[in-house]
Protein backbone atom coordinates (compact mmCIF):
# COMPACT_ATOMS: atom_id res chain seq x y z
CA MET A 1 -0.13 0.09 -0.33
CA ILE A 2 1.17 3.74 -0.65
CA ARG A 3 0.01 6.61 1.74
CA MET A 4 -0.02 9.97 2.03
CA LYS A 5 -1.43 11.98 4.83
CA ILE A 6 -2.54 15.86 4.80
CA SER A 7 -3.00 17.33 8.07
CA VAL A 8 -2.73 20.28 10.52
CA SER A 9 0.22 20.22 12.71
CA ASP A 10 -0.71 23.90 14.47
CA ALA A 11 0.43 24.60 17.85
CA HIS A 12 -3.21 26.06 18.45
CA LEU A 13 -4.79 23.52 17.05
CA GLU A 14 -3.05 20.40 18.34
CA GLN A 15 -3.90 22.05 21.97
CA LEU A 16 -7.60 22.93 20.97
CA GLN A 17 -7.73 19.19 19.81
CA TYR A 18 -6.57 17.66 22.86
CA ILE A 19 -8.89 20.09 24.73
CA LEU A 20 -12.13 18.61 22.37
CA SER A 21 -10.44 14.66 22.92
CA ARG A 22 -11.44 15.17 26.87
CA CYS A 23 -14.98 16.46 25.80
CA LYS A 24 -17.54 13.53 26.64
CA SER A 25 -19.20 14.91 23.89
CA VAL A 26 -19.32 14.62 20.04
CA VAL A 27 -17.22 17.28 18.50
CA ASP A 28 -19.01 19.81 17.15
CA PRO A 29 -18.95 19.58 12.93
CA GLU A 30 -19.26 23.52 12.79
CA VAL A 31 -15.43 23.49 14.84
CA LEU A 32 -13.34 25.24 12.60
CA PRO A 33 -15.61 24.46 9.09
CA MET A 34 -13.14 26.83 7.32
CA THR A 35 -10.17 24.35 8.18
CA LYS A 36 -11.95 21.39 7.70
CA GLY A 37 -13.65 22.59 4.35
CA ALA A 38 -9.43 23.57 3.48
CA LEU A 39 -7.92 19.97 4.10
CA ALA A 40 -10.91 18.37 2.33
CA GLU A 41 -10.53 19.94 -0.62
CA GLY A 42 -6.30 19.52 -0.38
CA ALA A 43 -6.91 15.63 -0.18
CA ALA A 44 -9.05 15.92 -2.90
CA LEU A 45 -6.39 17.90 -5.08
CA ILE A 46 -3.76 15.03 -3.76
CA GLN A 47 -6.30 12.52 -5.11
CA THR A 48 -6.72 13.81 -8.48
CA THR A 49 -3.05 14.84 -8.98
CA TRP A 50 -2.12 11.65 -8.15
CA VAL A 51 -4.41 10.34 -10.98
CA ASN A 52 -3.50 12.03 -12.96
CA HIS A 53 0.39 11.01 -12.94
CA ALA A 54 -0.24 7.70 -12.90
CA MET A 55 -2.21 7.94 -15.77
CA ARG A 56 1.07 8.52 -17.73
CA TYR A 57 2.23 4.76 -17.69
CA PRO A 58 1.60 1.71 -19.56
CA MET A 59 -0.27 0.00 -16.21
CA ALA A 60 -2.21 2.15 -14.61
CA GLY A 61 -5.40 1.16 -15.91
CA LYS A 62 -5.12 -1.32 -13.38
CA TYR A 63 -5.14 0.88 -10.22
CA VAL A 64 -5.94 4.21 -10.84
CA ASN A 65 -9.52 3.65 -9.89
CA THR A 66 -8.19 2.04 -6.58
CA ILE A 67 -6.94 5.58 -5.01
CA HIS A 68 -8.90 6.60 -2.23
CA SER A 69 -9.54 9.36 0.21
CA ARG A 70 -10.27 9.32 3.45
CA GLN A 71 -11.25 11.21 6.47
CA THR A 72 -9.08 9.48 9.35
CA GLY A 73 -9.41 12.12 11.90
CA PRO A 74 -11.67 15.69 12.53
CA PHE A 75 -8.63 17.52 11.02
CA GLU A 76 -7.07 14.26 8.97
CA TYR A 77 -7.35 13.03 5.51
CA GLU A 78 -5.53 10.09 4.06
CA VAL A 79 -5.04 9.26 0.11
CA SER A 80 -4.13 6.21 -0.59
CA THR A 81 -3.75 2.72 -2.84
CA GLU A 82 -3.35 -1.17 -2.06
CA ALA A 83 -3.05 -1.58 -5.59
CA LYS A 84 0.44 -3.56 -6.19
CA GLU A 85 1.10 -1.77 -9.65
CA ALA A 86 1.46 1.39 -8.06
CA VAL A 87 4.40 -0.06 -5.51
CA TRP A 88 5.96 -1.42 -8.72
CA ILE A 89 5.84 1.88 -10.41
CA GLU A 90 7.25 3.73 -7.41
CA ASN A 91 10.01 1.16 -6.30
CA GLY A 92 10.82 0.09 -9.73
CA THR A 93 10.99 -3.55 -10.23
CA LYS A 94 14.32 -6.14 -10.91
CA GLU A 95 14.78 -7.75 -13.97
CA LEU A 96 12.87 -11.23 -14.00
CA ASP A 97 13.40 -14.51 -15.94
CA MET A 98 9.91 -15.91 -15.77
CA LYS A 99 10.73 -19.42 -17.74
CA THR A 100 12.18 -19.90 -13.69
CA THR A 101 9.13 -18.79 -12.23
CA HIS A 102 5.92 -18.63 -14.00
CA PRO A 103 6.25 -23.02 -14.94
CA PHE A 104 6.03 -24.02 -11.33
CA GLY A 105 3.05 -22.36 -9.81
CA PRO A 106 -0.36 -24.33 -8.98
CA ARG A 107 -1.25 -23.92 -12.18
CA SER A 108 1.15 -25.15 -14.05
CA ARG A 109 1.04 -28.36 -16.62
CA VAL A 110 4.68 -31.10 -17.45
CA SER A 111 4.97 -32.23 -20.66
CA ASN A 112 5.16 -35.78 -21.94
CA GLU A 113 9.28 -34.58 -22.18
CA GLY A 114 9.32 -34.14 -18.67
CA PHE A 115 8.90 -29.88 -18.75
CA PRO A 116 6.63 -27.92 -16.50
CA TYR A 117 4.94 -25.19 -18.63
CA LEU A 118 2.40 -22.31 -17.87
CA ILE A 119 -0.01 -21.83 -21.17
CA VAL A 120 -0.78 -17.40 -20.60
CA PRO A 121 -3.34 -16.38 -21.66
CA PHE A 122 -3.02 -12.35 -23.28
CA ARG A 123 -5.97 -9.97 -23.42
CA HIS A 124 -6.41 -7.60 -26.85
CA GLY A 125 -8.58 -5.23 -26.99
CA THR A 126 -10.58 -3.13 -30.02
CA PRO A 127 -9.36 -0.12 -31.50
CA LYS A 128 -9.72 2.96 -29.30
CA SER A 129 -9.80 1.13 -26.18
CA ILE A 130 -8.22 2.85 -23.44
CA GLY A 131 -6.15 0.50 -20.94
CA PHE A 132 -4.93 -2.38 -23.00
CA LYS A 133 -0.65 -2.78 -23.45
CA SER A 134 -1.89 -4.80 -26.97
CA VAL A 135 -4.64 -2.85 -29.37
CA MET A 136 -5.80 -4.30 -32.53
CA PRO A 137 -5.57 -1.82 -35.66
CA SER A 138 -8.97 -1.81 -37.93
CA SER A 139 -7.86 -4.12 -40.30
CA VAL A 140 -7.62 -6.96 -37.19
CA TRP A 141 -10.68 -6.13 -36.05
CA ASN A 142 -12.83 -6.38 -38.98
CA LYS A 143 -11.83 -10.11 -39.24
CA VAL A 144 -11.92 -11.06 -35.78
CA LYS A 145 -15.39 -9.26 -34.67
CA LYS A 146 -16.86 -11.67 -37.51
CA TYR A 147 -15.38 -15.32 -36.42
CA LYS A 148 -17.29 -17.70 -34.42
CA MET A 149 -16.85 -17.61 -30.67
CA MET A 150 -15.06 -20.12 -28.54
CA ARG A 151 -17.63 -21.05 -26.06
CA THR A 152 -16.54 -22.54 -22.57
CA ASP A 153 -18.15 -25.73 -21.87
CA ARG A 154 -16.47 -26.60 -19.41
CA SER A 155 -14.51 -24.77 -16.51
CA ALA A 156 -11.04 -26.53 -15.49
CA ASP A 157 -12.07 -26.38 -12.29
CA ALA A 158 -14.78 -28.33 -13.18
CA ALA A 159 -12.96 -30.97 -15.03
CA PRO A 160 -13.02 -34.54 -13.80
CA GLU A 161 -10.30 -36.68 -11.51
CA LYS A 162 -9.26 -38.65 -14.88
CA ASP A 163 -9.65 -37.39 -18.22
CA LYS A 164 -8.56 -40.05 -20.91
CA THR A 165 -7.41 -37.37 -23.25
CA HIS A 166 -4.34 -36.48 -21.17
CA ASN A 167 -1.41 -38.32 -19.36
CA TYR A 168 -1.05 -38.95 -16.09
CA ALA A 169 2.08 -36.03 -15.54
CA SER A 170 0.41 -33.38 -18.02
CA TYR A 171 -2.68 -33.28 -15.99
CA TYR A 172 -1.09 -33.44 -12.38
CA GLY A 173 1.14 -30.44 -13.28
CA ALA A 174 4.58 -29.41 -11.64
CA SER A 175 2.80 -28.86 -8.40
CA GLY A 176 1.85 -32.28 -7.61
CA LYS A 177 -1.67 -31.22 -7.28
CA LYS A 178 -4.74 -31.80 -10.23
CA VAL A 179 -4.99 -28.98 -12.96
CA GLY A 180 -8.22 -28.98 -14.58
CA ARG A 181 -8.12 -28.98 -18.73
CA ALA A 182 -11.05 -27.10 -19.52
CA LYS A 183 -13.24 -27.79 -22.76
CA TYR A 184 -14.11 -25.67 -25.65
CA SER A 185 -16.68 -25.40 -28.23
CA LYS A 186 -15.44 -26.86 -32.12
CA GLY A 187 -15.41 -24.24 -35.27
CA TYR A 188 -14.62 -21.18 -33.55
CA GLY A 189 -12.56 -18.93 -35.56
CA ARG A 190 -8.60 -18.21 -34.84
CA LEU A 191 -6.47 -15.40 -36.96
CA GLN A 192 -3.72 -17.09 -38.86
CA GLY A 193 -0.04 -15.37 -40.04
CA GLU A 194 2.94 -14.38 -38.59
CA GLU A 195 2.56 -11.40 -40.55
CA HIS A 196 -0.18 -10.63 -37.11
CA GLY A 197 2.85 -10.68 -35.07
CA ASN A 198 1.56 -10.95 -30.81
CA MET A 199 -1.98 -11.23 -32.82
CA ASN A 200 -1.04 -14.25 -34.35
CA GLY A 201 -3.74 -16.96 -33.21
CA MET A 202 -6.48 -14.79 -31.51
CA VAL A 203 -9.94 -16.12 -30.83
CA ARG A 204 -12.62 -14.35 -30.29
CA SER A 205 -13.75 -15.77 -26.44
CA THR A 206 -16.40 -15.88 -24.74
CA ASP A 207 -17.36 -17.53 -20.78
CA GLU A 208 -19.86 -19.88 -19.05
CA THR A 209 -22.51 -17.63 -19.80
CA GLY A 210 -21.77 -16.64 -23.26
CA LYS A 211 -21.00 -13.21 -22.37
CA ASP A 212 -17.83 -11.50 -23.59
CA ARG A 213 -15.02 -10.81 -21.56
CA SER A 214 -13.91 -7.62 -20.78
CA GLY A 215 -12.07 -7.50 -24.46
CA GLY A 216 -13.32 -10.96 -25.49
CA TYR A 217 -9.79 -11.03 -28.17
CA PHE A 218 -7.18 -13.40 -26.67
CA THR A 219 -4.06 -14.92 -27.86
CA PHE A 220 -2.38 -17.78 -25.57
CA ARG A 221 1.17 -18.66 -25.26
CA VAL A 222 3.39 -21.22 -23.51
CA ILE A 223 6.12 -20.56 -20.68
CA SER A 224 7.68 -23.36 -20.38
CA ALA A 225 11.10 -24.53 -18.04
CA LYS A 226 12.79 -26.24 -21.70
CA GLN A 227 12.46 -22.88 -23.12
CA LEU A 228 15.66 -21.86 -20.66
CA VAL A 229 17.91 -23.99 -23.46
CA THR A 230 16.23 -24.07 -26.47
CA ARG A 231 15.15 -20.03 -26.07
CA PRO A 232 17.14 -18.54 -23.14
CA HIS A 233 16.74 -14.96 -24.45
CA SER A 234 12.95 -15.54 -23.87
CA TRP A 235 10.39 -14.58 -21.56
CA ILE A 236 12.33 -12.45 -19.84
CA LYS A 237 10.74 -8.93 -18.33
CA PRO A 238 13.12 -5.98 -18.36
CA ALA A 239 14.29 -4.15 -15.09
CA MET A 240 11.63 -0.96 -14.75
CA PRO A 241 13.20 2.02 -12.81
CA ALA A 242 11.63 3.60 -9.85
CA ARG A 243 9.18 6.63 -10.67
CA LEU A 244 8.71 8.54 -7.81
CA VAL A 245 4.84 9.40 -8.74
CA THR A 246 4.22 10.27 -5.21
CA LYS A 247 7.36 12.36 -4.83
CA PHE A 248 6.31 14.53 -7.79
CA VAL A 249 2.93 15.12 -6.77
CA VAL A 250 4.03 16.15 -3.06
CA GLN A 251 6.01 18.45 -5.36
CA GLU A 252 3.08 20.02 -7.06
CA THR A 253 0.38 20.05 -4.54
CA GLU A 254 2.48 20.81 -1.01
CA LYS A 255 2.50 24.77 -1.25
CA ASP A 256 -1.06 25.27 -2.93
CA ILE A 257 -2.45 22.98 0.30
CA SER A 258 -0.49 24.81 2.55
CA GLU A 259 -0.97 28.26 1.92
CA MET A 260 -4.49 26.81 1.49
CA VAL A 261 -5.35 25.02 5.33
CA GLU A 262 -2.96 28.10 6.49
CA GLY A 263 -5.18 30.89 5.01
CA ALA A 264 -8.87 28.80 6.34
CA LEU A 265 -7.17 28.27 9.99
CA ALA A 266 -6.25 31.43 10.51
CA GLY A 267 -10.09 32.38 9.62
CA ASP A 268 -11.62 30.35 11.90
CA MET A 269 -8.76 31.26 14.59
CA ARG A 270 -10.35 34.99 14.75
């Protein structure tokens, strides 16, 4: 989680807060109304500025809606997010060779050759959509939107204990636990052609209810431990430098908020 707090630390206000805390009655909502209003406006300014900064980064769509403001005390607000993407952007990440991690998770499987692997879905956005790392051009969209949908006839979690179509090792996976196999409808369309790059193999997909998933268009790729030898430079996520978003937010808002709160406090204390 990342938190930013806005509060008043004026000595007179601290004394007043102490006196109020000793009272048995509920704090009068009219006490220092200008100061309370200024704090609320300051918290809203931090929230808006934070969202605007976060929107500059590719993965921002996953967490900008989790940046919230809440009042934590009579004269204190907290603006925060619990999104892990916010922490990644703020602190940066190290280089990660996904071939050493992903094929060994709870949903991974084992090939006939004995290599753990994982099937990874990638979602693609339609033209002009927002929040997708991959957005298909109109030429691709005009093709795939006409395809017969790939419908899920049986979810992976509903798969039986034994499946004659797969060997034991593959079915039970790298973790030693059963990994279910989903079953899909027949005759669905699939985009073909190396000229389509990372969109080659795209399908138009739905869930069990027949409704489109978010985006509704997927490609599937395999991360295998075997690729550590056959494709050593594949599936490596490069390091990402720290962006220090909250530092920029503070720099842009601190002066305005301080002046706003100090002015409101002076008005209330007259």
